[in-house]
Each structure stands twice: as structure tokens, then as C-alpha cells.
């Protein structure tokens, strides 16, 4: 997932993330 995310960023995309990875 990190590889795919970095590739998307390198294409100029905006990525959304939930660092807690689940609903708190």
C-alpha cells in the first residue's frame, strides 16, 4: 500500500488517510 500511495503522490494526487486506521 505504501508503494502504491507514493506512486500516486508522485503523479500529483491528494491522498486521504486515517492514521488511527479505524473508527475511534
PDBML (XML) file of the C-alpha atoms, coordinates in Angstrom:
<?xml version="1.0" encoding="UTF-8" ?>
<PDBx:datablock datablockName="MODEL"
   xmlns:PDBx="http://pdbml.pdb.org/schema/pdbx-v50.xsd"
   xmlns:xsi="http://www.w3.org/2001/XMLSchema-instance"
   xsi:schemaLocation="http://pdbml.pdb.org/schema/pdbx-v50.xsd pdbx-v50.xsd">
   <PDBx:atom_siteCategory>
      <PDBx:atom_site id="1">
         <PDBx:B_iso_or_equiv>0.00</PDBx:B_iso_or_equiv>
         <PDBx:Cartn_x>0.000</PDBx:Cartn_x>
         <PDBx:Cartn_y>0.000</PDBx:Cartn_y>
         <PDBx:Cartn_z>0.000</PDBx:Cartn_z>
         <PDBx:auth_asym_id>A</PDBx:auth_asym_id>
         <PDBx:auth_atom_id>CA</PDBx:auth_atom_id>
         <PDBx:auth_comp_id>UNK</PDBx:auth_comp_id>
         <PDBx:auth_seq_id>1</PDBx:auth_seq_id>
         <PDBx:group_PDB>ATOM</PDBx:group_PDB>
         <PDBx:label_alt_id xsi:nil="true" />
         <PDBx:label_asym_id>A</PDBx:label_asym_id>
         <PDBx:label_atom_id>CA</PDBx:label_atom_id>
         <PDBx:label_comp_id>UNK</PDBx:label_comp_id>
         <PDBx:label_entity_id>1</PDBx:label_entity_id>
         <PDBx:label_seq_id>1</PDBx:label_seq_id>
         <PDBx:occupancy>1.00</PDBx:occupancy>
         <PDBx:pdbx_PDB_model_num>1</PDBx:pdbx_PDB_model_num>
         <PDBx:type_symbol>C</PDBx:type_symbol>
      </PDBx:atom_site>
      <PDBx:atom_site id="2">
         <PDBx:B_iso_or_equiv>0.00</PDBx:B_iso_or_equiv>
         <PDBx:Cartn_x>2.881</PDBx:Cartn_x>
         <PDBx:Cartn_y>2.368</PDBx:Cartn_y>
         <PDBx:Cartn_z>0.773</PDBx:Cartn_z>
         <PDBx:auth_asym_id>A</PDBx:auth_asym_id>
         <PDBx:auth_atom_id>CA</PDBx:auth_atom_id>
         <PDBx:auth_comp_id>UNK</PDBx:auth_comp_id>
         <PDBx:auth_seq_id>2</PDBx:auth_seq_id>
         <PDBx:group_PDB>ATOM</PDBx:group_PDB>
         <PDBx:label_alt_id xsi:nil="true" />
         <PDBx:label_asym_id>A</PDBx:label_asym_id>
         <PDBx:label_atom_id>CA</PDBx:label_atom_id>
         <PDBx:label_comp_id>UNK</PDBx:label_comp_id>
         <PDBx:label_entity_id>1</PDBx:label_entity_id>
         <PDBx:label_seq_id>2</PDBx:label_seq_id>
         <PDBx:occupancy>1.00</PDBx:occupancy>
         <PDBx:pdbx_PDB_model_num>1</PDBx:pdbx_PDB_model_num>
         <PDBx:type_symbol>C</PDBx:type_symbol>
      </PDBx:atom_site>
      <PDBx:atom_site id="3">
         <PDBx:B_iso_or_equiv>0.00</PDBx:B_iso_or_equiv>
         <PDBx:Cartn_x>4.371</PDBx:Cartn_x>
         <PDBx:Cartn_y>1.765</PDBx:Cartn_y>
         <PDBx:Cartn_z>-2.671</PDBx:Cartn_z>
         <PDBx:auth_asym_id>A</PDBx:auth_asym_id>
         <PDBx:auth_atom_id>CA</PDBx:auth_atom_id>
         <PDBx:auth_comp_id>UNK</PDBx:auth_comp_id>
         <PDBx:auth_seq_id>3</PDBx:auth_seq_id>
         <PDBx:group_PDB>ATOM</PDBx:group_PDB>
         <PDBx:label_alt_id xsi:nil="true" />
         <PDBx:label_asym_id>A</PDBx:label_asym_id>
         <PDBx:label_atom_id>CA</PDBx:label_atom_id>
         <PDBx:label_comp_id>UNK</PDBx:label_comp_id>
         <PDBx:label_entity_id>1</PDBx:label_entity_id>
         <PDBx:label_seq_id>3</PDBx:label_seq_id>
         <PDBx:occupancy>1.00</PDBx:occupancy>
         <PDBx:pdbx_PDB_model_num>1</PDBx:pdbx_PDB_model_num>
         <PDBx:type_symbol>C</PDBx:type_symbol>
      </PDBx:atom_site>
      <PDBx:atom_site id="4">
         <PDBx:B_iso_or_equiv>0.00</PDBx:B_iso_or_equiv>
         <PDBx:Cartn_x>1.053</PDBx:Cartn_x>
         <PDBx:Cartn_y>2.435</PDBx:Cartn_y>
         <PDBx:Cartn_z>-4.426</PDBx:Cartn_z>
         <PDBx:auth_asym_id>A</PDBx:auth_asym_id>
         <PDBx:auth_atom_id>CA</PDBx:auth_atom_id>
         <PDBx:auth_comp_id>UNK</PDBx:auth_comp_id>
         <PDBx:auth_seq_id>4</PDBx:auth_seq_id>
         <PDBx:group_PDB>ATOM</PDBx:group_PDB>
         <PDBx:label_alt_id xsi:nil="true" />
         <PDBx:label_asym_id>A</PDBx:label_asym_id>
         <PDBx:label_atom_id>CA</PDBx:label_atom_id>
         <PDBx:label_comp_id>UNK</PDBx:label_comp_id>
         <PDBx:label_entity_id>1</PDBx:label_entity_id>
         <PDBx:label_seq_id>4</PDBx:label_seq_id>
         <PDBx:occupancy>1.00</PDBx:occupancy>
         <PDBx:pdbx_PDB_model_num>1</PDBx:pdbx_PDB_model_num>
         <PDBx:type_symbol>C</PDBx:type_symbol>
      </PDBx:atom_site>
      <PDBx:atom_site id="5">
         <PDBx:B_iso_or_equiv>0.00</PDBx:B_iso_or_equiv>
         <PDBx:Cartn_x>0.442</PDBx:Cartn_x>
         <PDBx:Cartn_y>5.535</PDBx:Cartn_y>
         <PDBx:Cartn_z>-2.301</PDBx:Cartn_z>
         <PDBx:auth_asym_id>A</PDBx:auth_asym_id>
         <PDBx:auth_atom_id>CA</PDBx:auth_atom_id>
         <PDBx:auth_comp_id>UNK</PDBx:auth_comp_id>
         <PDBx:auth_seq_id>5</PDBx:auth_seq_id>
         <PDBx:group_PDB>ATOM</PDBx:group_PDB>
         <PDBx:label_alt_id xsi:nil="true" />
         <PDBx:label_asym_id>A</PDBx:label_asym_id>
         <PDBx:label_atom_id>CA</PDBx:label_atom_id>
         <PDBx:label_comp_id>UNK</PDBx:label_comp_id>
         <PDBx:label_entity_id>1</PDBx:label_entity_id>
         <PDBx:label_seq_id>5</PDBx:label_seq_id>
         <PDBx:occupancy>1.00</PDBx:occupancy>
         <PDBx:pdbx_PDB_model_num>1</PDBx:pdbx_PDB_model_num>
         <PDBx:type_symbol>C</PDBx:type_symbol>
      </PDBx:atom_site>
      <PDBx:atom_site id="6">
         <PDBx:B_iso_or_equiv>0.00</PDBx:B_iso_or_equiv>
         <PDBx:Cartn_x>3.870</PDBx:Cartn_x>
         <PDBx:Cartn_y>7.018</PDBx:Cartn_y>
         <PDBx:Cartn_z>-3.013</PDBx:Cartn_z>
         <PDBx:auth_asym_id>A</PDBx:auth_asym_id>
         <PDBx:auth_atom_id>CA</PDBx:auth_atom_id>
         <PDBx:auth_comp_id>UNK</PDBx:auth_comp_id>
         <PDBx:auth_seq_id>6</PDBx:auth_seq_id>
         <PDBx:group_PDB>ATOM</PDBx:group_PDB>
         <PDBx:label_alt_id xsi:nil="true" />
         <PDBx:label_asym_id>A</PDBx:label_asym_id>
         <PDBx:label_atom_id>CA</PDBx:label_atom_id>
         <PDBx:label_comp_id>UNK</PDBx:label_comp_id>
         <PDBx:label_entity_id>1</PDBx:label_entity_id>
         <PDBx:label_seq_id>6</PDBx:label_seq_id>
         <PDBx:occupancy>1.00</PDBx:occupancy>
         <PDBx:pdbx_PDB_model_num>1</PDBx:pdbx_PDB_model_num>
         <PDBx:type_symbol>C</PDBx:type_symbol>
      </PDBx:atom_site>
      <PDBx:atom_site id="7">
         <PDBx:B_iso_or_equiv>0.00</PDBx:B_iso_or_equiv>
         <PDBx:Cartn_x>3.393</PDBx:Cartn_x>
         <PDBx:Cartn_y>6.367</PDBx:Cartn_y>
         <PDBx:Cartn_z>-6.730</PDBx:Cartn_z>
         <PDBx:auth_asym_id>A</PDBx:auth_asym_id>
         <PDBx:auth_atom_id>CA</PDBx:auth_atom_id>
         <PDBx:auth_comp_id>UNK</PDBx:auth_comp_id>
         <PDBx:auth_seq_id>7</PDBx:auth_seq_id>
         <PDBx:group_PDB>ATOM</PDBx:group_PDB>
         <PDBx:label_alt_id xsi:nil="true" />
         <PDBx:label_asym_id>A</PDBx:label_asym_id>
         <PDBx:label_atom_id>CA</PDBx:label_atom_id>
         <PDBx:label_comp_id>UNK</PDBx:label_comp_id>
         <PDBx:label_entity_id>1</PDBx:label_entity_id>
         <PDBx:label_seq_id>7</PDBx:label_seq_id>
         <PDBx:occupancy>1.00</PDBx:occupancy>
         <PDBx:pdbx_PDB_model_num>1</PDBx:pdbx_PDB_model_num>
         <PDBx:type_symbol>C</PDBx:type_symbol>
      </PDBx:atom_site>
      <PDBx:atom_site id="8">
         <PDBx:B_iso_or_equiv>0.00</PDBx:B_iso_or_equiv>
         <PDBx:Cartn_x>0.059</PDBx:Cartn_x>
         <PDBx:Cartn_y>8.237</PDBx:Cartn_y>
         <PDBx:Cartn_z>-6.616</PDBx:Cartn_z>
         <PDBx:auth_asym_id>A</PDBx:auth_asym_id>
         <PDBx:auth_atom_id>CA</PDBx:auth_atom_id>
         <PDBx:auth_comp_id>UNK</PDBx:auth_comp_id>
         <PDBx:auth_seq_id>8</PDBx:auth_seq_id>
         <PDBx:group_PDB>ATOM</PDBx:group_PDB>
         <PDBx:label_alt_id xsi:nil="true" />
         <PDBx:label_asym_id>A</PDBx:label_asym_id>
         <PDBx:label_atom_id>CA</PDBx:label_atom_id>
         <PDBx:label_comp_id>UNK</PDBx:label_comp_id>
         <PDBx:label_entity_id>1</PDBx:label_entity_id>
         <PDBx:label_seq_id>8</PDBx:label_seq_id>
         <PDBx:occupancy>1.00</PDBx:occupancy>
         <PDBx:pdbx_PDB_model_num>1</PDBx:pdbx_PDB_model_num>
         <PDBx:type_symbol>C</PDBx:type_symbol>
      </PDBx:atom_site>
      <PDBx:atom_site id="9">
         <PDBx:B_iso_or_equiv>0.00</PDBx:B_iso_or_equiv>
         <PDBx:Cartn_x>1.686</PDBx:Cartn_x>
         <PDBx:Cartn_y>11.156</PDBx:Cartn_y>
         <PDBx:Cartn_z>-4.787</PDBx:Cartn_z>
         <PDBx:auth_asym_id>A</PDBx:auth_asym_id>
         <PDBx:auth_atom_id>CA</PDBx:auth_atom_id>
         <PDBx:auth_comp_id>UNK</PDBx:auth_comp_id>
         <PDBx:auth_seq_id>9</PDBx:auth_seq_id>
         <PDBx:group_PDB>ATOM</PDBx:group_PDB>
         <PDBx:label_alt_id xsi:nil="true" />
         <PDBx:label_asym_id>A</PDBx:label_asym_id>
         <PDBx:label_atom_id>CA</PDBx:label_atom_id>
         <PDBx:label_comp_id>UNK</PDBx:label_comp_id>
         <PDBx:label_entity_id>1</PDBx:label_entity_id>
         <PDBx:label_seq_id>9</PDBx:label_seq_id>
         <PDBx:occupancy>1.00</PDBx:occupancy>
         <PDBx:pdbx_PDB_model_num>1</PDBx:pdbx_PDB_model_num>
         <PDBx:type_symbol>C</PDBx:type_symbol>
      </PDBx:atom_site>
      <PDBx:atom_site id="10">
         <PDBx:B_iso_or_equiv>0.00</PDBx:B_iso_or_equiv>
         <PDBx:Cartn_x>4.444</PDBx:Cartn_x>
         <PDBx:Cartn_y>11.273</PDBx:Cartn_y>
         <PDBx:Cartn_z>-7.370</PDBx:Cartn_z>
         <PDBx:auth_asym_id>A</PDBx:auth_asym_id>
         <PDBx:auth_atom_id>CA</PDBx:auth_atom_id>
         <PDBx:auth_comp_id>UNK</PDBx:auth_comp_id>
         <PDBx:auth_seq_id>10</PDBx:auth_seq_id>
         <PDBx:group_PDB>ATOM</PDBx:group_PDB>
         <PDBx:label_alt_id xsi:nil="true" />
         <PDBx:label_asym_id>A</PDBx:label_asym_id>
         <PDBx:label_atom_id>CA</PDBx:label_atom_id>
         <PDBx:label_comp_id>UNK</PDBx:label_comp_id>
         <PDBx:label_entity_id>1</PDBx:label_entity_id>
         <PDBx:label_seq_id>10</PDBx:label_seq_id>
         <PDBx:occupancy>1.00</PDBx:occupancy>
         <PDBx:pdbx_PDB_model_num>1</PDBx:pdbx_PDB_model_num>
         <PDBx:type_symbol>C</PDBx:type_symbol>
      </PDBx:atom_site>
      <PDBx:atom_site id="11">
         <PDBx:B_iso_or_equiv>0.00</PDBx:B_iso_or_equiv>
         <PDBx:Cartn_x>1.719</PDBx:Cartn_x>
         <PDBx:Cartn_y>11.660</PDBx:Cartn_y>
         <PDBx:Cartn_z>-10.000</PDBx:Cartn_z>
         <PDBx:auth_asym_id>A</PDBx:auth_asym_id>
         <PDBx:auth_atom_id>CA</PDBx:auth_atom_id>
         <PDBx:auth_comp_id>UNK</PDBx:auth_comp_id>
         <PDBx:auth_seq_id>11</PDBx:auth_seq_id>
         <PDBx:group_PDB>ATOM</PDBx:group_PDB>
         <PDBx:label_alt_id xsi:nil="true" />
         <PDBx:label_asym_id>A</PDBx:label_asym_id>
         <PDBx:label_atom_id>CA</PDBx:label_atom_id>
         <PDBx:label_comp_id>UNK</PDBx:label_comp_id>
         <PDBx:label_entity_id>1</PDBx:label_entity_id>
         <PDBx:label_seq_id>11</PDBx:label_seq_id>
         <PDBx:occupancy>1.00</PDBx:occupancy>
         <PDBx:pdbx_PDB_model_num>1</PDBx:pdbx_PDB_model_num>
         <PDBx:type_symbol>C</PDBx:type_symbol>
      </PDBx:atom_site>
      <PDBx:atom_site id="12">
         <PDBx:B_iso_or_equiv>0.00</PDBx:B_iso_or_equiv>
         <PDBx:Cartn_x>0.494</PDBx:Cartn_x>
         <PDBx:Cartn_y>14.732</PDBx:Cartn_y>
         <PDBx:Cartn_z>-8.089</PDBx:Cartn_z>
         <PDBx:auth_asym_id>A</PDBx:auth_asym_id>
         <PDBx:auth_atom_id>CA</PDBx:auth_atom_id>
         <PDBx:auth_comp_id>UNK</PDBx:auth_comp_id>
         <PDBx:auth_seq_id>12</PDBx:auth_seq_id>
         <PDBx:group_PDB>ATOM</PDBx:group_PDB>
         <PDBx:label_alt_id xsi:nil="true" />
         <PDBx:label_asym_id>A</PDBx:label_asym_id>
         <PDBx:label_atom_id>CA</PDBx:label_atom_id>
         <PDBx:label_comp_id>UNK</PDBx:label_comp_id>
         <PDBx:label_entity_id>1</PDBx:label_entity_id>
         <PDBx:label_seq_id>12</PDBx:label_seq_id>
         <PDBx:occupancy>1.00</PDBx:occupancy>
         <PDBx:pdbx_PDB_model_num>1</PDBx:pdbx_PDB_model_num>
         <PDBx:type_symbol>C</PDBx:type_symbol>
      </PDBx:atom_site>
      <PDBx:atom_site id="13">
         <PDBx:B_iso_or_equiv>0.00</PDBx:B_iso_or_equiv>
         <PDBx:Cartn_x>-2.514</PDBx:Cartn_x>
         <PDBx:Cartn_y>13.161</PDBx:Cartn_y>
         <PDBx:Cartn_z>-6.359</PDBx:Cartn_z>
         <PDBx:auth_asym_id>A</PDBx:auth_asym_id>
         <PDBx:auth_atom_id>CA</PDBx:auth_atom_id>
         <PDBx:auth_comp_id>UNK</PDBx:auth_comp_id>
         <PDBx:auth_seq_id>13</PDBx:auth_seq_id>
         <PDBx:group_PDB>ATOM</PDBx:group_PDB>
         <PDBx:label_alt_id xsi:nil="true" />
         <PDBx:label_asym_id>A</PDBx:label_asym_id>
         <PDBx:label_atom_id>CA</PDBx:label_atom_id>
         <PDBx:label_comp_id>UNK</PDBx:label_comp_id>
         <PDBx:label_entity_id>1</PDBx:label_entity_id>
         <PDBx:label_seq_id>13</PDBx:label_seq_id>
         <PDBx:occupancy>1.00</PDBx:occupancy>
         <PDBx:pdbx_PDB_model_num>1</PDBx:pdbx_PDB_model_num>
         <PDBx:type_symbol>C</PDBx:type_symbol>
      </PDBx:atom_site>
      <PDBx:atom_site id="14">
         <PDBx:B_iso_or_equiv>0.00</PDBx:B_iso_or_equiv>
         <PDBx:Cartn_x>-4.002</PDBx:Cartn_x>
         <PDBx:Cartn_y>14.157</PDBx:Cartn_y>
         <PDBx:Cartn_z>-2.992</PDBx:Cartn_z>
         <PDBx:auth_asym_id>A</PDBx:auth_asym_id>
         <PDBx:auth_atom_id>CA</PDBx:auth_atom_id>
         <PDBx:auth_comp_id>UNK</PDBx:auth_comp_id>
         <PDBx:auth_seq_id>14</PDBx:auth_seq_id>
         <PDBx:group_PDB>ATOM</PDBx:group_PDB>
         <PDBx:label_alt_id xsi:nil="true" />
         <PDBx:label_asym_id>A</PDBx:label_asym_id>
         <PDBx:label_atom_id>CA</PDBx:label_atom_id>
         <PDBx:label_comp_id>UNK</PDBx:label_comp_id>
         <PDBx:label_entity_id>1</PDBx:label_entity_id>
         <PDBx:label_seq_id>14</PDBx:label_seq_id>
         <PDBx:occupancy>1.00</PDBx:occupancy>
         <PDBx:pdbx_PDB_model_num>1</PDBx:pdbx_PDB_model_num>
         <PDBx:type_symbol>C</PDBx:type_symbol>
      </PDBx:atom_site>
      <PDBx:atom_site id="15">
         <PDBx:B_iso_or_equiv>0.00</PDBx:B_iso_or_equiv>
         <PDBx:Cartn_x>-4.360</PDBx:Cartn_x>
         <PDBx:Cartn_y>11.162</PDBx:Cartn_y>
         <PDBx:Cartn_z>-0.673</PDBx:Cartn_z>
         <PDBx:auth_asym_id>A</PDBx:auth_asym_id>
         <PDBx:auth_atom_id>CA</PDBx:auth_atom_id>
         <PDBx:auth_comp_id>UNK</PDBx:auth_comp_id>
         <PDBx:auth_seq_id>15</PDBx:auth_seq_id>
         <PDBx:group_PDB>ATOM</PDBx:group_PDB>
         <PDBx:label_alt_id xsi:nil="true" />
         <PDBx:label_asym_id>A</PDBx:label_asym_id>
         <PDBx:label_atom_id>CA</PDBx:label_atom_id>
         <PDBx:label_comp_id>UNK</PDBx:label_comp_id>
         <PDBx:label_entity_id>1</PDBx:label_entity_id>
         <PDBx:label_seq_id>15</PDBx:label_seq_id>
         <PDBx:occupancy>1.00</PDBx:occupancy>
         <PDBx:pdbx_PDB_model_num>1</PDBx:pdbx_PDB_model_num>
         <PDBx:type_symbol>C</PDBx:type_symbol>
      </PDBx:atom_site>
      <PDBx:atom_site id="16">
         <PDBx:B_iso_or_equiv>0.00</PDBx:B_iso_or_equiv>
         <PDBx:Cartn_x>-6.650</PDBx:Cartn_x>
         <PDBx:Cartn_y>10.859</PDBx:Cartn_y>
         <PDBx:Cartn_z>2.333</PDBx:Cartn_z>
         <PDBx:auth_asym_id>A</PDBx:auth_asym_id>
         <PDBx:auth_atom_id>CA</PDBx:auth_atom_id>
         <PDBx:auth_comp_id>UNK</PDBx:auth_comp_id>
         <PDBx:auth_seq_id>16</PDBx:auth_seq_id>
         <PDBx:group_PDB>ATOM</PDBx:group_PDB>
         <PDBx:label_alt_id xsi:nil="true" />
         <PDBx:label_asym_id>A</PDBx:label_asym_id>
         <PDBx:label_atom_id>CA</PDBx:label_atom_id>
         <PDBx:label_comp_id>UNK</PDBx:label_comp_id>
         <PDBx:label_entity_id>1</PDBx:label_entity_id>
         <PDBx:label_seq_id>16</PDBx:label_seq_id>
         <PDBx:occupancy>1.00</PDBx:occupancy>
         <PDBx:pdbx_PDB_model_num>1</PDBx:pdbx_PDB_model_num>
         <PDBx:type_symbol>C</PDBx:type_symbol>
      </PDBx:atom_site>
      <PDBx:atom_site id="17">
         <PDBx:B_iso_or_equiv>0.00</PDBx:B_iso_or_equiv>
         <PDBx:Cartn_x>-5.577</PDBx:Cartn_x>
         <PDBx:Cartn_y>8.862</PDBx:Cartn_y>
         <PDBx:Cartn_z>5.381</PDBx:Cartn_z>
         <PDBx:auth_asym_id>A</PDBx:auth_asym_id>
         <PDBx:auth_atom_id>CA</PDBx:auth_atom_id>
         <PDBx:auth_comp_id>UNK</PDBx:auth_comp_id>
         <PDBx:auth_seq_id>17</PDBx:auth_seq_id>
         <PDBx:group_PDB>ATOM</PDBx:group_PDB>
         <PDBx:label_alt_id xsi:nil="true" />
         <PDBx:label_asym_id>A</PDBx:label_asym_id>
         <PDBx:label_atom_id>CA</PDBx:label_atom_id>
         <PDBx:label_comp_id>UNK</PDBx:label_comp_id>
         <PDBx:label_entity_id>1</PDBx:label_entity_id>
         <PDBx:label_seq_id>17</PDBx:label_seq_id>
         <PDBx:occupancy>1.00</PDBx:occupancy>
         <PDBx:pdbx_PDB_model_num>1</PDBx:pdbx_PDB_model_num>
         <PDBx:type_symbol>C</PDBx:type_symbol>
      </PDBx:atom_site>
      <PDBx:atom_site id="18">
         <PDBx:B_iso_or_equiv>0.00</PDBx:B_iso_or_equiv>
         <PDBx:Cartn_x>-6.985</PDBx:Cartn_x>
         <PDBx:Cartn_y>7.881</PDBx:Cartn_y>
         <PDBx:Cartn_z>8.761</PDBx:Cartn_z>
         <PDBx:auth_asym_id>A</PDBx:auth_asym_id>
         <PDBx:auth_atom_id>CA</PDBx:auth_atom_id>
         <PDBx:auth_comp_id>UNK</PDBx:auth_comp_id>
         <PDBx:auth_seq_id>18</PDBx:auth_seq_id>
         <PDBx:group_PDB>ATOM</PDBx:group_PDB>
         <PDBx:label_alt_id xsi:nil="true" />
         <PDBx:label_asym_id>A</PDBx:label_asym_id>
         <PDBx:label_atom_id>CA</PDBx:label_atom_id>
         <PDBx:label_comp_id>UNK</PDBx:label_comp_id>
         <PDBx:label_entity_id>1</PDBx:label_entity_id>
         <PDBx:label_seq_id>18</PDBx:label_seq_id>
         <PDBx:occupancy>1.00</PDBx:occupancy>
         <PDBx:pdbx_PDB_model_num>1</PDBx:pdbx_PDB_model_num>
         <PDBx:type_symbol>C</PDBx:type_symbol>
      </PDBx:atom_site>
      <PDBx:atom_site id="19">
         <PDBx:B_iso_or_equiv>0.00</PDBx:B_iso_or_equiv>
         <PDBx:Cartn_x>-3.800</PDBx:Cartn_x>
         <PDBx:Cartn_y>7.392</PDBx:Cartn_y>
         <PDBx:Cartn_z>10.813</PDBx:Cartn_z>
         <PDBx:auth_asym_id>A</PDBx:auth_asym_id>
         <PDBx:auth_atom_id>CA</PDBx:auth_atom_id>
         <PDBx:auth_comp_id>UNK</PDBx:auth_comp_id>
         <PDBx:auth_seq_id>19</PDBx:auth_seq_id>
         <PDBx:group_PDB>ATOM</PDBx:group_PDB>
         <PDBx:label_alt_id xsi:nil="true" />
         <PDBx:label_asym_id>A</PDBx:label_asym_id>
         <PDBx:label_atom_id>CA</PDBx:label_atom_id>
         <PDBx:label_comp_id>UNK</PDBx:label_comp_id>
         <PDBx:label_entity_id>1</PDBx:label_entity_id>
         <PDBx:label_seq_id>19</PDBx:label_seq_id>
         <PDBx:occupancy>1.00</PDBx:occupancy>
         <PDBx:pdbx_PDB_model_num>1</PDBx:pdbx_PDB_model_num>
         <PDBx:type_symbol>C</PDBx:type_symbol>
      </PDBx:atom_site>
      <PDBx:atom_site id="20">
         <PDBx:B_iso_or_equiv>0.00</PDBx:B_iso_or_equiv>
         <PDBx:Cartn_x>-5.719</PDBx:Cartn_x>
         <PDBx:Cartn_y>5.617</PDBx:Cartn_y>
         <PDBx:Cartn_z>13.588</PDBx:Cartn_z>
         <PDBx:auth_asym_id>A</PDBx:auth_asym_id>
         <PDBx:auth_atom_id>CA</PDBx:auth_atom_id>
         <PDBx:auth_comp_id>UNK</PDBx:auth_comp_id>
         <PDBx:auth_seq_id>20</PDBx:auth_seq_id>
         <PDBx:group_PDB>ATOM</PDBx:group_PDB>
         <PDBx:label_alt_id xsi:nil="true" />
         <PDBx:label_asym_id>A</PDBx:label_asym_id>
         <PDBx:label_atom_id>CA</PDBx:label_atom_id>
         <PDBx:label_comp_id>UNK</PDBx:label_comp_id>
         <PDBx:label_entity_id>1</PDBx:label_entity_id>
         <PDBx:label_seq_id>20</PDBx:label_seq_id>
         <PDBx:occupancy>1.00</PDBx:occupancy>
         <PDBx:pdbx_PDB_model_num>1</PDBx:pdbx_PDB_model_num>
         <PDBx:type_symbol>C</PDBx:type_symbol>
      </PDBx:atom_site>
      <PDBx:atom_site id="21">
         <PDBx:B_iso_or_equiv>0.00</PDBx:B_iso_or_equiv>
         <PDBx:Cartn_x>-6.738</PDBx:Cartn_x>
         <PDBx:Cartn_y>3.087</PDBx:Cartn_y>
         <PDBx:Cartn_z>10.887</PDBx:Cartn_z>
         <PDBx:auth_asym_id>A</PDBx:auth_asym_id>
         <PDBx:auth_atom_id>CA</PDBx:auth_atom_id>
         <PDBx:auth_comp_id>UNK</PDBx:auth_comp_id>
         <PDBx:auth_seq_id>21</PDBx:auth_seq_id>
         <PDBx:group_PDB>ATOM</PDBx:group_PDB>
         <PDBx:label_alt_id xsi:nil="true" />
         <PDBx:label_asym_id>A</PDBx:label_asym_id>
         <PDBx:label_atom_id>CA</PDBx:label_atom_id>
         <PDBx:label_comp_id>UNK</PDBx:label_comp_id>
         <PDBx:label_entity_id>1</PDBx:label_entity_id>
         <PDBx:label_seq_id>21</PDBx:label_seq_id>
         <PDBx:occupancy>1.00</PDBx:occupancy>
         <PDBx:pdbx_PDB_model_num>1</PDBx:pdbx_PDB_model_num>
         <PDBx:type_symbol>C</PDBx:type_symbol>
      </PDBx:atom_site>
      <PDBx:atom_site id="22">
         <PDBx:B_iso_or_equiv>0.00</PDBx:B_iso_or_equiv>
         <PDBx:Cartn_x>-10.150</PDBx:Cartn_x>
         <PDBx:Cartn_y>2.501</PDBx:Cartn_y>
         <PDBx:Cartn_z>12.485</PDBx:Cartn_z>
         <PDBx:auth_asym_id>A</PDBx:auth_asym_id>
         <PDBx:auth_atom_id>CA</PDBx:auth_atom_id>
         <PDBx:auth_comp_id>UNK</PDBx:auth_comp_id>
         <PDBx:auth_seq_id>22</PDBx:auth_seq_id>
         <PDBx:group_PDB>ATOM</PDBx:group_PDB>
         <PDBx:label_alt_id xsi:nil="true" />
         <PDBx:label_asym_id>A</PDBx:label_asym_id>
         <PDBx:label_atom_id>CA</PDBx:label_atom_id>
         <PDBx:label_comp_id>UNK</PDBx:label_comp_id>
         <PDBx:label_entity_id>1</PDBx:label_entity_id>
         <PDBx:label_seq_id>22</PDBx:label_seq_id>
         <PDBx:occupancy>1.00</PDBx:occupancy>
         <PDBx:pdbx_PDB_model_num>1</PDBx:pdbx_PDB_model_num>
         <PDBx:type_symbol>C</PDBx:type_symbol>
      </PDBx:atom_site>
      <PDBx:atom_site id="23">
         <PDBx:B_iso_or_equiv>0.00</PDBx:B_iso_or_equiv>
         <PDBx:Cartn_x>-13.087</PDBx:Cartn_x>
         <PDBx:Cartn_y>4.436</PDBx:Cartn_y>
         <PDBx:Cartn_z>13.916</PDBx:Cartn_z>
         <PDBx:auth_asym_id>A</PDBx:auth_asym_id>
         <PDBx:auth_atom_id>CA</PDBx:auth_atom_id>
         <PDBx:auth_comp_id>UNK</PDBx:auth_comp_id>
         <PDBx:auth_seq_id>23</PDBx:auth_seq_id>
         <PDBx:group_PDB>ATOM</PDBx:group_PDB>
         <PDBx:label_alt_id xsi:nil="true" />
         <PDBx:label_asym_id>A</PDBx:label_asym_id>
         <PDBx:label_atom_id>CA</PDBx:label_atom_id>
         <PDBx:label_comp_id>UNK</PDBx:label_comp_id>
         <PDBx:label_entity_id>1</PDBx:label_entity_id>
         <PDBx:label_seq_id>23</PDBx:label_seq_id>
         <PDBx:occupancy>1.00</PDBx:occupancy>
         <PDBx:pdbx_PDB_model_num>1</PDBx:pdbx_PDB_model_num>
         <PDBx:type_symbol>C</PDBx:type_symbol>
      </PDBx:atom_site>
      <PDBx:atom_site id="24">
         <PDBx:B_iso_or_equiv>0.00</PDBx:B_iso_or_equiv>
         <PDBx:Cartn_x>-12.251</PDBx:Cartn_x>
         <PDBx:Cartn_y>5.541</PDBx:Cartn_y>
         <PDBx:Cartn_z>17.439</PDBx:Cartn_z>
         <PDBx:auth_asym_id>A</PDBx:auth_asym_id>
         <PDBx:auth_atom_id>CA</PDBx:auth_atom_id>
         <PDBx:auth_comp_id>UNK</PDBx:auth_comp_id>
         <PDBx:auth_seq_id>24</PDBx:auth_seq_id>
         <PDBx:group_PDB>ATOM</PDBx:group_PDB>
         <PDBx:label_alt_id xsi:nil="true" />
         <PDBx:label_asym_id>A</PDBx:label_asym_id>
         <PDBx:label_atom_id>CA</PDBx:label_atom_id>
         <PDBx:label_comp_id>UNK</PDBx:label_comp_id>
         <PDBx:label_entity_id>1</PDBx:label_entity_id>
         <PDBx:label_seq_id>24</PDBx:label_seq_id>
         <PDBx:occupancy>1.00</PDBx:occupancy>
         <PDBx:pdbx_PDB_model_num>1</PDBx:pdbx_PDB_model_num>
         <PDBx:type_symbol>C</PDBx:type_symbol>
      </PDBx:atom_site>
   </PDBx:atom_siteCategory>
</PDBx:datablock>
